Each structure stands twice: as C-alpha cells, then as structure tokens.
Amino acid sequence: MRRFDYYFRETATGLRRNGIVAFAAMSTAFIALFLFGLALLVAREFDLVIYNITRNVQVAVYLTDPVRPDTVTGLMQKLEALPAVADVTYETKQQACDRFHALFVNQPIFTENVSCDAIPASLRVRLTDTGLFDQIPVALSCSNQEQPGGGAKLVCTEPGVETVADYSSLLSRLTAITRALSIGILFVAVVMLASAIALIANTLRMGMFARRREIGIMRLVGATNWRIRVPFLIEGLVESLLGAFAAVVFLFIVKVFFIDRLRGEIQFFPLIRNSDVLAVAPLIIIASVVVAVVAGTIGMRRFLDV
C-alpha cells in the first residue's frame, strides 16, 4: 500500500512540477487520439454508406414459363440455404409488369410496346455479402454462354430457371471499394497511433531530461529501474487518458455541430449517430493506454542508463 502511495505521490509531484510539459503531452495525446477516433468514425460512415447501397442490391433469378408453385418453393428453399443469401422473395409476372410500368411511367415507348407476357416472373435475392454473389450461379448450375449478338449470358440448367442477372462486375467493384477503404482507414489509424507514440515519447523524454539529476540520485541510492519507471509511466498514462477523454468529447462536438446539421439536409444519406461515437470511445481509451505504455518505455530507456 505504501508503494502505491509513493507511486501516485511521485506522479502528482511530477505533474505539478512539469505542468507545461504535462499539458503538452496531454495536448499531443488529444490531437493524435482525436484523429484516430475520427478515422474510426470515417470508417464507420463508409460502412453505413456501403451497407445502404448493397442492402438494396437484389440478384434477379428469372424463371421459365409456365411457373410451377412447387418449383418456386424448391428454388427458394435452395437459395435460402446459401450463406450468401439474406432473403428471397417471389415476384409474379403481374407484379413484375406493374413494377416495369412504374419504372417507365414517363416513357410510353416502352410501356406501350412491351407486353406483360414478355416480362418473366423472378426470384429477388438479397445478399448478405456482395462478395458471395458467385454462390448463386453455382447453386443453380449456371454458366456464361456467348450470345449471337455478342456478349455473354448466364444460362442455367436448374429446372424452372432461365437465367440469373449477372451483377458480378458491379458487386465485385463494390467489394473492392469496401476493401480499399477499410485498408486505407486502417493505415490512417495506425499512422495516428504511431505519431502519438512518437510525440508523447518525445514529450516524456523532455520531462525526464528536466529531472535527469533527480533520476541520477535515485540510481545512486539503489533505486531499481522499475521504481524509477513506474511514476513516469503513470504520469504518461494520466496525460494520455486525459487526452483520450478530451478526444471523445470533441468527437461528440463534431458530431453535434457538423454531422447533425447535415442530417436534415441529406435525409437519404446514412450518417453516424451517438451510438457510433460511444462504440469508438472504448477503442480510443484502449489506444491511449497502449500509447502511454509504449511511449513511456521508449522515452525512458535512455535516462535509465545513468
């Protein structure tokens, strides 16, 4: 108990004696952790946008005439068993015709010249992951076949299935964008943490340089490295945690004054909420602890060799 009292007393003394340096360390931690949290929120925003786009992407499985109810039921059960499929809905010829007329209501050249008999019934498949699109053609025994007029079409041998709308290029593009954004945001987050470690280590080194004579005396009277190191580690941890707390507060301020103002103007666009900021807060705190420990270890190494 006396040892803990000593550690915290020394930490308080260090913070009080080196107020300017401690403030500089806290400010450095705040800036780095704020940018780190901002990068995580940007990643969350990208996830919301991609999800908003992909959740409305449906793969159309066009059925052959005449459509048999037992065939539809069997196909739906087969598709719903796939990991790639979130849900399957059956669209009758009449429903498909009504949707066609609603889409081209201002283009009578289409609505007047296309008969409802030419519009096939279909199964509308919503995917759990756009990258798993290939599971559907494989399950329905579909393969690309060259068409007389050029191009290729997915032709299926599964009974009752004519073809599957090939969205593979679009879905592959969306998947590639998601992956690239994730890697980019991860890189930014790592850079922010590395910058925080370097800056805080340098700040702690400045504080220890100002107290190098005191550290030398402690070594001469037999103090161990850990007895010298722990108060500085706690000091760095307190500074880093204060910076983390300030970073979380400022993230909420940014969300309230910038993001919430956009919410009323672009209602169709998904935006982050308070729950997203709260989800990021524990990661910022964990990052602040890691940064403090690593930065403290790096910053003190030189001054322990007295």
C-alpha atoms as a PDB file:
ATOM      1  CA  MET A   1       0.000   0.000   0.000  1.00  0.00           C
ATOM      2  CA  ARG A   2       2.869   2.354   0.847  1.00  0.00           C
ATOM      3  CA  ARG A   3       4.421   1.599  -2.523  1.00  0.00           C
ATOM      4  CA  PHE A   4       1.244   2.611  -4.373  1.00  0.00           C
ATOM      5  CA  ASP A   5       1.054   5.745  -2.251  1.00  0.00           C
ATOM      6  CA  TYR A   6       4.643   6.536  -3.230  1.00  0.00           C
ATOM      7  CA  TYR A   7       3.961   5.984  -6.933  1.00  0.00           C
ATOM      8  CA  PHE A   8       0.916   8.234  -7.029  1.00  0.00           C
ATOM      9  CA  ARG A   9       2.589  10.876  -4.843  1.00  0.00           C
ATOM     10  CA  GLU A  10       5.549  10.965  -7.230  1.00  0.00           C
ATOM     11  CA  THR A  11       3.173  11.108 -10.209  1.00  0.00           C
ATOM     12  CA  ALA A  12       1.289  14.052  -8.703  1.00  0.00           C
ATOM     13  CA  THR A  13       4.588  15.785  -7.936  1.00  0.00           C
ATOM     14  CA  GLY A  14       5.795  15.254 -11.492  1.00  0.00           C
ATOM     15  CA  LEU A  15       2.585  16.617 -12.962  1.00  0.00           C
ATOM     16  CA  ARG A  16       2.699  19.625 -10.673  1.00  0.00           C
ATOM     17  CA  ARG A  17       6.384  20.429 -11.302  1.00  0.00           C
ATOM     18  CA  ASN A  18       6.153  19.959 -15.060  1.00  0.00           C
ATOM     19  CA  GLY A  19       2.740  21.440 -15.713  1.00  0.00           C
ATOM     20  CA  ILE A  20       3.662  22.887 -19.097  1.00  0.00           C
ATOM     21  CA  VAL A  21       5.286  19.658 -20.279  1.00  0.00           C
ATOM     22  CA  ALA A  22       2.338  17.631 -18.958  1.00  0.00           C
ATOM     23  CA  PHE A  23      -0.081  19.913 -20.786  1.00  0.00           C
ATOM     24  CA  ALA A  24       1.976  19.485 -23.961  1.00  0.00           C
ATOM     25  CA  ALA A  25       1.829  15.697 -23.594  1.00  0.00           C
ATOM     26  CA  MET A  26      -1.923  15.773 -22.966  1.00  0.00           C
ATOM     27  CA  SER A  27      -2.430  18.053 -25.982  1.00  0.00           C
ATOM     28  CA  THR A  28      -0.344  15.744 -28.140  1.00  0.00           C
ATOM     29  CA  ALA A  29      -2.338  12.728 -26.979  1.00  0.00           C
ATOM     30  CA  PHE A  30      -5.577  14.610 -27.580  1.00  0.00           C
ATOM     31  CA  ILE A  31      -4.703  15.557 -31.160  1.00  0.00           C
ATOM     32  CA  ALA A  32      -3.443  12.084 -32.099  1.00  0.00           C
ATOM     33  CA  LEU A  33      -6.310  10.229 -30.401  1.00  0.00           C
ATOM     34  CA  PHE A  34      -8.878  12.655 -31.808  1.00  0.00           C
ATOM     35  CA  LEU A  35      -7.583  11.978 -35.328  1.00  0.00           C
ATOM     36  CA  PHE A  36      -7.514   8.256 -34.538  1.00  0.00           C
ATOM     37  CA  GLY A  37     -11.146   8.363 -33.381  1.00  0.00           C
ATOM     38  CA  LEU A  38     -12.076  10.480 -36.388  1.00  0.00           C
ATOM     39  CA  ALA A  39     -10.536   7.858 -38.676  1.00  0.00           C
ATOM     40  CA  LEU A  40     -12.623   5.159 -36.955  1.00  0.00           C
ATOM     41  CA  LEU A  41     -15.784   7.240 -37.388  1.00  0.00           C
ATOM     42  CA  VAL A  42     -14.976   7.814 -41.056  1.00  0.00           C
ATOM     43  CA  ALA A  43     -14.601   4.034 -41.408  1.00  0.00           C
ATOM     44  CA  ARG A  44     -17.994   3.605 -39.734  1.00  0.00           C
ATOM     45  CA  GLU A  45     -19.511   6.173 -42.113  1.00  0.00           C
ATOM     46  CA  PHE A  46     -18.119   4.275 -45.096  1.00  0.00           C
ATOM     47  CA  ASP A  47     -19.603   1.060 -43.697  1.00  0.00           C
ATOM     48  CA  LEU A  48     -23.017   2.729 -43.384  1.00  0.00           C
ATOM     49  CA  VAL A  49     -22.861   4.050 -46.949  1.00  0.00           C
ATOM     50  CA  ILE A  50     -21.733   0.730 -48.419  1.00  0.00           C
ATOM     51  CA  TYR A  51     -24.383  -1.130 -46.426  1.00  0.00           C
ATOM     52  CA  ASN A  52     -27.025   1.331 -47.585  1.00  0.00           C
ATOM     53  CA  ILE A  53     -26.016   0.675 -51.188  1.00  0.00           C
ATOM     54  CA  THR A  54     -25.586  -3.073 -51.019  1.00  0.00           C
ATOM     55  CA  ARG A  55     -28.669  -3.839 -48.942  1.00  0.00           C
ATOM     56  CA  ASN A  56     -30.817  -2.666 -51.862  1.00  0.00           C
ATOM     57  CA  VAL A  57     -28.870  -4.710 -54.430  1.00  0.00           C
ATOM     58  CA  GLN A  58     -31.009  -7.664 -55.450  1.00  0.00           C
ATOM     59  CA  VAL A  59     -29.995 -10.511 -57.707  1.00  0.00           C
ATOM     60  CA  ALA A  60     -32.825 -11.435 -60.079  1.00  0.00           C
ATOM     61  CA  VAL A  61     -33.322 -15.135 -60.862  1.00  0.00           C
ATOM     62  CA  TYR A  62     -35.636 -15.204 -63.883  1.00  0.00           C
ATOM     63  CA  LEU A  63     -37.982 -18.165 -64.154  1.00  0.00           C
ATOM     64  CA  THR A  64     -39.222 -20.038 -67.214  1.00  0.00           C
ATOM     65  CA  ASP A  65     -42.905 -20.174 -68.229  1.00  0.00           C
ATOM     66  CA  PRO A  66     -45.114 -21.706 -67.043  1.00  0.00           C
ATOM     67  CA  VAL A  67     -44.139 -21.109 -63.407  1.00  0.00           C
ATOM     68  CA  ARG A  68     -44.982 -24.027 -61.116  1.00  0.00           C
ATOM     69  CA  PRO A  69     -45.598 -23.269 -57.401  1.00  0.00           C
ATOM     70  CA  ASP A  70     -43.661 -26.353 -56.267  1.00  0.00           C
ATOM     71  CA  THR A  71     -40.682 -25.301 -58.406  1.00  0.00           C
ATOM     72  CA  VAL A  72     -40.737 -21.826 -56.873  1.00  0.00           C
ATOM     73  CA  THR A  73     -40.856 -23.271 -53.356  1.00  0.00           C
ATOM     74  CA  GLY A  74     -37.957 -25.648 -54.049  1.00  0.00           C
ATOM     75  CA  LEU A  75     -35.818 -22.892 -55.572  1.00  0.00           C
ATOM     76  CA  MET A  76     -36.496 -20.542 -52.663  1.00  0.00           C
ATOM     77  CA  GLN A  77     -35.519 -23.202 -50.135  1.00  0.00           C
ATOM     78  CA  LYS A  78     -32.353 -23.984 -52.083  1.00  0.00           C
ATOM     79  CA  LEU A  79     -31.315 -20.333 -52.275  1.00  0.00           C
ATOM     80  CA  GLU A  80     -32.181 -19.528 -48.657  1.00  0.00           C
ATOM     81  CA  ALA A  81     -29.838 -22.326 -47.544  1.00  0.00           C
ATOM     82  CA  LEU A  82     -26.854 -20.466 -49.070  1.00  0.00           C
ATOM     83  CA  PRO A  83     -24.638 -18.337 -46.754  1.00  0.00           C
ATOM     84  CA  ALA A  84     -24.693 -15.591 -49.399  1.00  0.00           C
ATOM     85  CA  VAL A  85     -28.475 -15.145 -49.233  1.00  0.00           C
ATOM     86  CA  ALA A  86     -30.226 -12.899 -46.711  1.00  0.00           C
ATOM     87  CA  ASP A  87     -33.752 -13.469 -48.030  1.00  0.00           C
ATOM     88  CA  VAL A  88     -35.641 -14.435 -51.186  1.00  0.00           C
ATOM     89  CA  THR A  89     -38.945 -13.021 -52.435  1.00  0.00           C
ATOM     90  CA  TYR A  90     -41.055 -14.256 -55.318  1.00  0.00           C
ATOM     91  CA  GLU A  91     -42.212 -11.680 -57.878  1.00  0.00           C
ATOM     92  CA  THR A  92     -45.078 -12.835 -60.126  1.00  0.00           C
ATOM     93  CA  LYS A  93     -45.442 -11.804 -63.760  1.00  0.00           C
ATOM     94  CA  GLN A  94     -48.139  -9.297 -62.807  1.00  0.00           C
ATOM     95  CA  GLN A  95     -46.012  -7.778 -60.061  1.00  0.00           C
ATOM     96  CA  ALA A  96     -43.064  -7.572 -62.467  1.00  0.00           C
ATOM     97  CA  CYS A  97     -45.294  -5.911 -65.054  1.00  0.00           C
ATOM     98  CA  ASP A  98     -46.582  -3.358 -62.525  1.00  0.00           C
ATOM     99  CA  ARG A  99     -43.020  -2.547 -61.456  1.00  0.00           C
ATOM    100  CA  PHE A 100     -41.972  -2.183 -65.122  1.00  0.00           C
ATOM    101  CA  HIS A 101     -44.784   0.293 -65.786  1.00  0.00           C
ATOM    102  CA  ALA A 102     -43.945   2.233 -62.613  1.00  0.00           C
ATOM    103  CA  LEU A 103     -40.268   2.492 -63.603  1.00  0.00           C
ATOM    104  CA  PHE A 104     -41.036   3.662 -67.160  1.00  0.00           C
ATOM    105  CA  VAL A 105     -44.184   5.658 -66.450  1.00  0.00           C
ATOM    106  CA  ASN A 106     -42.734   8.677 -68.292  1.00  0.00           C
ATOM    107  CA  GLN A 107     -41.507   6.653 -71.284  1.00  0.00           C
ATOM    108  CA  PRO A 108     -44.596   5.399 -73.147  1.00  0.00           C
ATOM    109  CA  ILE A 109     -42.445   3.969 -75.934  1.00  0.00           C
ATOM    110  CA  PHE A 110     -41.585   1.132 -73.542  1.00  0.00           C
ATOM    111  CA  THR A 111     -44.874   0.696 -71.723  1.00  0.00           C
ATOM    112  CA  GLU A 112     -46.918   0.638 -74.928  1.00  0.00           C
ATOM    113  CA  ASN A 113     -44.719  -1.740 -76.878  1.00  0.00           C
ATOM    114  CA  VAL A 114     -43.738  -4.282 -74.228  1.00  0.00           C
ATOM    115  CA  SER A 115     -46.358  -6.871 -73.339  1.00  0.00           C
ATOM    116  CA  CYS A 116     -46.646  -8.195 -69.809  1.00  0.00           C
ATOM    117  CA  ASP A 117     -46.332 -11.705 -71.243  1.00  0.00           C
ATOM    118  CA  ALA A 118     -42.735 -10.870 -72.231  1.00  0.00           C
ATOM    119  CA  ILE A 119     -41.798  -9.975 -68.653  1.00  0.00           C
ATOM    120  CA  PRO A 120     -40.798 -13.100 -66.714  1.00  0.00           C
ATOM    121  CA  ALA A 121     -41.557 -13.918 -63.097  1.00  0.00           C
ATOM    122  CA  SER A 122     -38.472 -13.919 -60.906  1.00  0.00           C
ATOM    123  CA  LEU A 123     -36.973 -14.590 -57.521  1.00  0.00           C
ATOM    124  CA  ARG A 124     -35.475 -11.473 -55.934  1.00  0.00           C
ATOM    125  CA  VAL A 125     -32.439 -12.448 -53.858  1.00  0.00           C
ATOM    126  CA  ARG A 126     -30.925 -10.062 -51.308  1.00  0.00           C
ATOM    127  CA  LEU A 127     -27.319 -10.860 -50.425  1.00  0.00           C
ATOM    128  CA  THR A 128     -25.672 -10.947 -47.012  1.00  0.00           C
ATOM    129  CA  ASP A 129     -22.330 -10.113 -48.625  1.00  0.00           C
ATOM    130  CA  THR A 130     -21.878  -8.827 -52.173  1.00  0.00           C
ATOM    131  CA  GLY A 131     -18.603 -10.734 -52.423  1.00  0.00           C
ATOM    132  CA  LEU A 132     -20.517 -14.046 -52.236  1.00  0.00           C
ATOM    133  CA  PHE A 133     -22.558 -13.476 -55.405  1.00  0.00           C
ATOM    134  CA  ASP A 134     -20.902 -16.418 -57.186  1.00  0.00           C
ATOM    135  CA  GLN A 135     -22.667 -18.882 -54.867  1.00  0.00           C
ATOM    136  CA  ILE A 136     -25.991 -18.228 -56.610  1.00  0.00           C
ATOM    137  CA  PRO A 137     -24.986 -19.135 -60.210  1.00  0.00           C
ATOM    138  CA  VAL A 138     -23.126 -22.197 -58.913  1.00  0.00           C
ATOM    139  CA  ALA A 139     -26.149 -23.389 -56.896  1.00  0.00           C
ATOM    140  CA  LEU A 140     -28.408 -23.008 -59.951  1.00  0.00           C
ATOM    141  CA  SER A 141     -25.909 -24.666 -62.334  1.00  0.00           C
ATOM    142  CA  CYS A 142     -25.434 -21.511 -64.402  1.00  0.00           C
ATOM    143  CA  SER A 143     -22.584 -20.792 -66.785  1.00  0.00           C
ATOM    144  CA  ASN A 144     -21.630 -17.974 -69.108  1.00  0.00           C
ATOM    145  CA  GLN A 145     -22.509 -18.609 -72.740  1.00  0.00           C
ATOM    146  CA  GLU A 146     -21.668 -16.397 -75.685  1.00  0.00           C
ATOM    147  CA  GLN A 147     -24.683 -14.787 -77.370  1.00  0.00           C
ATOM    148  CA  PRO A 148     -25.087 -14.440 -81.157  1.00  0.00           C
ATOM    149  CA  GLY A 149     -25.165 -10.647 -80.966  1.00  0.00           C
ATOM    150  CA  GLY A 150     -22.051 -10.536 -78.803  1.00  0.00           C
ATOM    151  CA  GLY A 151     -21.560 -10.590 -75.067  1.00  0.00           C
ATOM    152  CA  ALA A 152     -22.267 -13.382 -72.609  1.00  0.00           C
ATOM    153  CA  LYS A 153     -25.313 -14.504 -70.649  1.00  0.00           C
ATOM    154  CA  LEU A 154     -25.716 -16.750 -67.638  1.00  0.00           C
ATOM    155  CA  VAL A 155     -27.662 -19.791 -68.830  1.00  0.00           C
ATOM    156  CA  CYS A 156     -28.909 -22.151 -66.110  1.00  0.00           C
ATOM    157  CA  THR A 157     -29.710 -25.858 -66.288  1.00  0.00           C
ATOM    158  CA  GLU A 158     -31.644 -25.867 -62.990  1.00  0.00           C
ATOM    159  CA  PRO A 159     -35.278 -26.804 -63.796  1.00  0.00           C
ATOM    160  CA  GLY A 160     -37.521 -23.740 -63.831  1.00  0.00           C
ATOM    161  CA  VAL A 161     -34.652 -21.225 -64.078  1.00  0.00           C
ATOM    162  CA  GLU A 162     -33.974 -19.338 -67.292  1.00  0.00           C
ATOM    163  CA  THR A 163     -31.110 -17.062 -66.284  1.00  0.00           C
ATOM    164  CA  VAL A 164     -29.604 -15.041 -63.440  1.00  0.00           C
ATOM    165  CA  ALA A 165     -28.965 -11.313 -63.792  1.00  0.00           C
ATOM    166  CA  ASP A 166     -25.188 -11.057 -63.814  1.00  0.00           C
ATOM    167  CA  TYR A 167     -24.210  -8.337 -61.337  1.00  0.00           C
ATOM    168  CA  SER A 168     -20.816  -9.865 -60.674  1.00  0.00           C
ATOM    169  CA  SER A 169     -18.847  -6.919 -62.100  1.00  0.00           C
ATOM    170  CA  LEU A 170     -20.862  -4.363 -60.125  1.00  0.00           C
ATOM    171  CA  LEU A 171     -20.713  -6.379 -56.915  1.00  0.00           C
ATOM    172  CA  SER A 172     -17.001  -7.058 -57.363  1.00  0.00           C
ATOM    173  CA  ARG A 173     -16.442  -3.318 -57.747  1.00  0.00           C
ATOM    174  CA  LEU A 174     -18.389  -2.579 -54.564  1.00  0.00           C
ATOM    175  CA  THR A 175     -16.452  -5.256 -52.690  1.00  0.00           C
ATOM    176  CA  ALA A 176     -13.137  -3.857 -53.964  1.00  0.00           C
ATOM    177  CA  ILE A 177     -14.128  -0.328 -52.901  1.00  0.00           C
ATOM    178  CA  THR A 178     -15.090  -1.561 -49.433  1.00  0.00           C
ATOM    179  CA  ARG A 179     -11.793  -3.424 -49.065  1.00  0.00           C
ATOM    180  CA  ALA A 180      -9.721  -0.473 -50.289  1.00  0.00           C
ATOM    181  CA  LEU A 181     -11.479   1.942 -47.936  1.00  0.00           C
ATOM    182  CA  SER A 182     -11.022  -0.422 -44.993  1.00  0.00           C
ATOM    183  CA  ILE A 183      -7.296  -0.780 -45.686  1.00  0.00           C
ATOM    184  CA  GLY A 184      -6.931   2.978 -46.143  1.00  0.00           C
ATOM    185  CA  ILE A 185      -8.700   3.788 -42.878  1.00  0.00           C
ATOM    186  CA  LEU A 186      -6.676   1.130 -41.025  1.00  0.00           C
ATOM    187  CA  PHE A 187      -3.475   2.654 -42.394  1.00  0.00           C
ATOM    188  CA  VAL A 188      -4.525   6.143 -41.264  1.00  0.00           C
ATOM    189  CA  ALA A 189      -5.398   4.814 -37.789  1.00  0.00           C
ATOM    190  CA  VAL A 190      -2.014   3.071 -37.466  1.00  0.00           C
ATOM    191  CA  VAL A 191      -0.211   6.243 -38.593  1.00  0.00           C
ATOM    192  CA  MET A 192      -2.126   8.267 -35.998  1.00  0.00           C
ATOM    193  CA  LEU A 193      -1.180   5.860 -33.200  1.00  0.00           C
ATOM    194  CA  ALA A 194       2.452   5.749 -34.310  1.00  0.00           C
ATOM    195  CA  SER A 195       2.522   9.552 -34.370  1.00  0.00           C
ATOM    196  CA  ALA A 196       1.013   9.652 -30.880  1.00  0.00           C
ATOM    197  CA  ILE A 197       3.644   7.239 -29.560  1.00  0.00           C
ATOM    198  CA  ALA A 198       6.493   9.231 -31.105  1.00  0.00           C
ATOM    199  CA  LEU A 199       5.215  12.607 -29.931  1.00  0.00           C
ATOM    200  CA  ILE A 200       4.324  11.511 -26.399  1.00  0.00           C
ATOM    201  CA  ALA A 201       7.643   9.653 -26.040  1.00  0.00           C
ATOM    202  CA  ASN A 202       9.456  12.824 -27.056  1.00  0.00           C
ATOM    203  CA  THR A 203       7.393  14.883 -24.605  1.00  0.00           C
ATOM    204  CA  LEU A 204       8.112  12.450 -21.756  1.00  0.00           C
ATOM    205  CA  ARG A 205      11.788  12.483 -22.710  1.00  0.00           C
ATOM    206  CA  MET A 206      11.789  16.273 -22.327  1.00  0.00           C
ATOM    207  CA  GLY A 207      10.221  15.939 -18.884  1.00  0.00           C
ATOM    208  CA  MET A 208      12.767  13.355 -17.817  1.00  0.00           C
ATOM    209  CA  PHE A 209      15.616  15.466 -19.165  1.00  0.00           C
ATOM    210  CA  ALA A 210      14.481  18.248 -16.838  1.00  0.00           C
ATOM    211  CA  ARG A 211      14.637  15.740 -13.935  1.00  0.00           C
ATOM    212  CA  ARG A 212      17.777  13.850 -15.001  1.00  0.00           C
ATOM    213  CA  ARG A 213      19.709  14.892 -11.874  1.00  0.00           C
ATOM    214  CA  GLU A 214      16.938  13.558  -9.639  1.00  0.00           C
ATOM    215  CA  ILE A 215      16.922  10.263 -11.583  1.00  0.00           C
ATOM    216  CA  GLY A 216      20.711  10.005 -11.234  1.00  0.00           C
ATOM    217  CA  ILE A 217      20.496  10.460  -7.466  1.00  0.00           C
ATOM    218  CA  MET A 218      17.790   7.784  -7.225  1.00  0.00           C
ATOM    219  CA  ARG A 219      20.017   5.349  -9.138  1.00  0.00           C
ATOM    220  CA  LEU A 220      22.981   6.125  -6.875  1.00  0.00           C
ATOM    221  CA  VAL A 221      20.986   5.333  -3.724  1.00  0.00           C
ATOM    222  CA  GLY A 222      19.966   1.956  -5.150  1.00  0.00           C
ATOM    223  CA  ALA A 223      16.553   2.572  -6.707  1.00  0.00           C
ATOM    224  CA  THR A 224      15.615  -0.083  -9.254  1.00  0.00           C
ATOM    225  CA  ASN A 225      14.668   0.728 -12.824  1.00  0.00           C
ATOM    226  CA  TRP A 226      11.018  -0.122 -12.173  1.00  0.00           C
ATOM    227  CA  ARG A 227      10.862   2.095  -9.072  1.00  0.00           C
ATOM    228  CA  ILE A 228      12.026   4.973 -11.250  1.00  0.00           C
ATOM    229  CA  ARG A 229       9.963   3.955 -14.281  1.00  0.00           C
ATOM    230  CA  VAL A 230       6.509   3.405 -12.721  1.00  0.00           C
ATOM    231  CA  PRO A 231       5.796   7.026 -11.632  1.00  0.00           C
ATOM    232  CA  PHE A 232       6.673   8.226 -15.132  1.00  0.00           C
ATOM    233  CA  LEU A 233       4.507   5.516 -16.707  1.00  0.00           C
ATOM    234  CA  ILE A 234       1.581   6.530 -14.503  1.00  0.00           C
ATOM    235  CA  GLU A 235       2.231  10.167 -15.378  1.00  0.00           C
ATOM    236  CA  GLY A 236       2.172   9.369 -19.089  1.00  0.00           C
ATOM    237  CA  LEU A 237      -0.942   7.230 -18.602  1.00  0.00           C
ATOM    238  CA  VAL A 238      -2.785  10.059 -16.818  1.00  0.00           C
ATOM    239  CA  GLU A 239      -1.824  12.518 -19.559  1.00  0.00           C
ATOM    240  CA  SER A 240      -2.854  10.077 -22.280  1.00  0.00           C
ATOM    241  CA  LEU A 241      -6.192   9.279 -20.609  1.00  0.00           C
ATOM    242  CA  LEU A 242      -6.977  12.973 -20.199  1.00  0.00           C
ATOM    243  CA  GLY A 243      -6.198  13.414 -23.898  1.00  0.00           C
ATOM    244  CA  ALA A 244      -8.461  10.458 -24.718  1.00  0.00           C
ATOM    245  CA  PHE A 245     -11.316  11.929 -22.671  1.00  0.00           C
ATOM    246  CA  ALA A 246     -10.919  15.283 -24.438  1.00  0.00           C
ATOM    247  CA  ALA A 247     -10.818  13.493 -27.816  1.00  0.00           C
ATOM    248  CA  VAL A 248     -14.123  11.696 -27.116  1.00  0.00           C
ATOM    249  CA  VAL A 249     -15.745  14.981 -26.014  1.00  0.00           C
ATOM    250  CA  PHE A 250     -14.584  16.730 -29.188  1.00  0.00           C
ATOM    251  CA  LEU A 251     -15.833  13.857 -31.338  1.00  0.00           C
ATOM    252  CA  PHE A 252     -19.285  14.393 -29.821  1.00  0.00           C
ATOM    253  CA  ILE A 253     -18.961  18.134 -30.503  1.00  0.00           C
ATOM    254  CA  VAL A 254     -18.034  17.471 -34.147  1.00  0.00           C
ATOM    255  CA  LYS A 255     -20.953  15.084 -34.463  1.00  0.00           C
ATOM    256  CA  VAL A 256     -23.450  17.563 -32.953  1.00  0.00           C
ATOM    257  CA  PHE A 257     -22.314  20.705 -34.773  1.00  0.00           C
ATOM    258  CA  PHE A 258     -21.412  19.225 -38.156  1.00  0.00           C
ATOM    259  CA  ILE A 259     -22.954  15.794 -38.718  1.00  0.00           C
ATOM    260  CA  ASP A 260     -26.343  16.505 -37.123  1.00  0.00           C
ATOM    261  CA  ARG A 261     -26.739  19.654 -39.222  1.00  0.00           C
ATOM    262  CA  LEU A 262     -26.332  17.579 -42.376  1.00  0.00           C
ATOM    263  CA  ARG A 263     -28.908  15.045 -41.216  1.00  0.00           C
ATOM    264  CA  GLY A 264     -31.838  17.298 -42.078  1.00  0.00           C
ATOM    265  CA  GLU A 265     -30.395  18.339 -45.443  1.00  0.00           C
ATOM    266  CA  ILE A 266     -29.466  14.923 -46.870  1.00  0.00           C
ATOM    267  CA  GLN A 267     -32.076  12.592 -45.435  1.00  0.00           C
ATOM    268  CA  PHE A 268     -31.341   9.835 -47.960  1.00  0.00           C
ATOM    269  CA  PHE A 269     -27.703   9.619 -46.806  1.00  0.00           C
ATOM    270  CA  PRO A 270     -26.923   7.463 -43.724  1.00  0.00           C
ATOM    271  CA  LEU A 271     -24.953   9.354 -41.074  1.00  0.00           C
ATOM    272  CA  ILE A 272     -23.267   8.277 -37.851  1.00  0.00           C
ATOM    273  CA  ARG A 273     -25.163   8.584 -34.560  1.00  0.00           C
ATOM    274  CA  ASN A 274     -24.315   8.925 -30.871  1.00  0.00           C
ATOM    275  CA  SER A 275     -24.134   5.131 -30.582  1.00  0.00           C
ATOM    276  CA  ASP A 276     -21.327   5.085 -33.161  1.00  0.00           C
ATOM    277  CA  VAL A 277     -19.304   7.635 -31.167  1.00  0.00           C
ATOM    278  CA  LEU A 278     -19.909   5.644 -27.969  1.00  0.00           C
ATOM    279  CA  ALA A 279     -18.735   2.477 -29.758  1.00  0.00           C
ATOM    280  CA  VAL A 280     -15.485   4.226 -30.735  1.00  0.00           C
ATOM    281  CA  ALA A 281     -14.815   5.629 -27.231  1.00  0.00           C
ATOM    282  CA  PRO A 282     -13.553   2.336 -25.660  1.00  0.00           C
ATOM    283  CA  LEU A 283     -11.153   1.867 -28.597  1.00  0.00           C
ATOM    284  CA  ILE A 284      -9.762   5.361 -28.030  1.00  0.00           C
ATOM    285  CA  ILE A 285      -9.257   4.648 -24.328  1.00  0.00           C
ATOM    286  CA  ILE A 286      -7.534   1.320 -25.057  1.00  0.00           C
ATOM    287  CA  ALA A 287      -5.353   3.044 -27.652  1.00  0.00           C
ATOM    288  CA  SER A 288      -4.435   5.753 -25.107  1.00  0.00           C
ATOM    289  CA  VAL A 289      -3.257   3.113 -22.627  1.00  0.00           C
ATOM    290  CA  VAL A 290      -1.165   1.337 -25.269  1.00  0.00           C
ATOM    291  CA  VAL A 291       0.288   4.638 -26.466  1.00  0.00           C
ATOM    292  CA  ALA A 292       1.182   5.702 -22.914  1.00  0.00           C
ATOM    293  CA  VAL A 293       2.920   2.410 -22.049  1.00  0.00           C
ATOM    294  CA  VAL A 294       4.867   2.161 -25.312  1.00  0.00           C
ATOM    295  CA  ALA A 295       5.759   5.851 -25.379  1.00  0.00           C
ATOM    296  CA  GLY A 296       6.831   5.780 -21.728  1.00  0.00           C
ATOM    297  CA  THR A 297       9.019   2.719 -22.262  1.00  0.00           C
ATOM    298  CA  ILE A 298      10.685   4.281 -25.303  1.00  0.00           C
ATOM    299  CA  GLY A 299      11.060   7.706 -23.723  1.00  0.00           C
ATOM    300  CA  MET A 300      12.676   6.457 -20.513  1.00  0.00           C
ATOM    301  CA  ARG A 301      15.139   3.971 -21.939  1.00  0.00           C
ATOM    302  CA  ARG A 302      17.953   6.460 -22.351  1.00  0.00           C
ATOM    303  CA  PHE A 303      17.641   8.037 -18.903  1.00  0.00           C
ATOM    304  CA  LEU A 304      17.720   4.750 -17.010  1.00  0.00           C
ATOM    305  CA  ASP A 305      21.289   4.133 -18.125  1.00  0.00           C
ATOM    306  CA  VAL A 306      22.787   6.522 -15.594  1.00  0.00           C
END
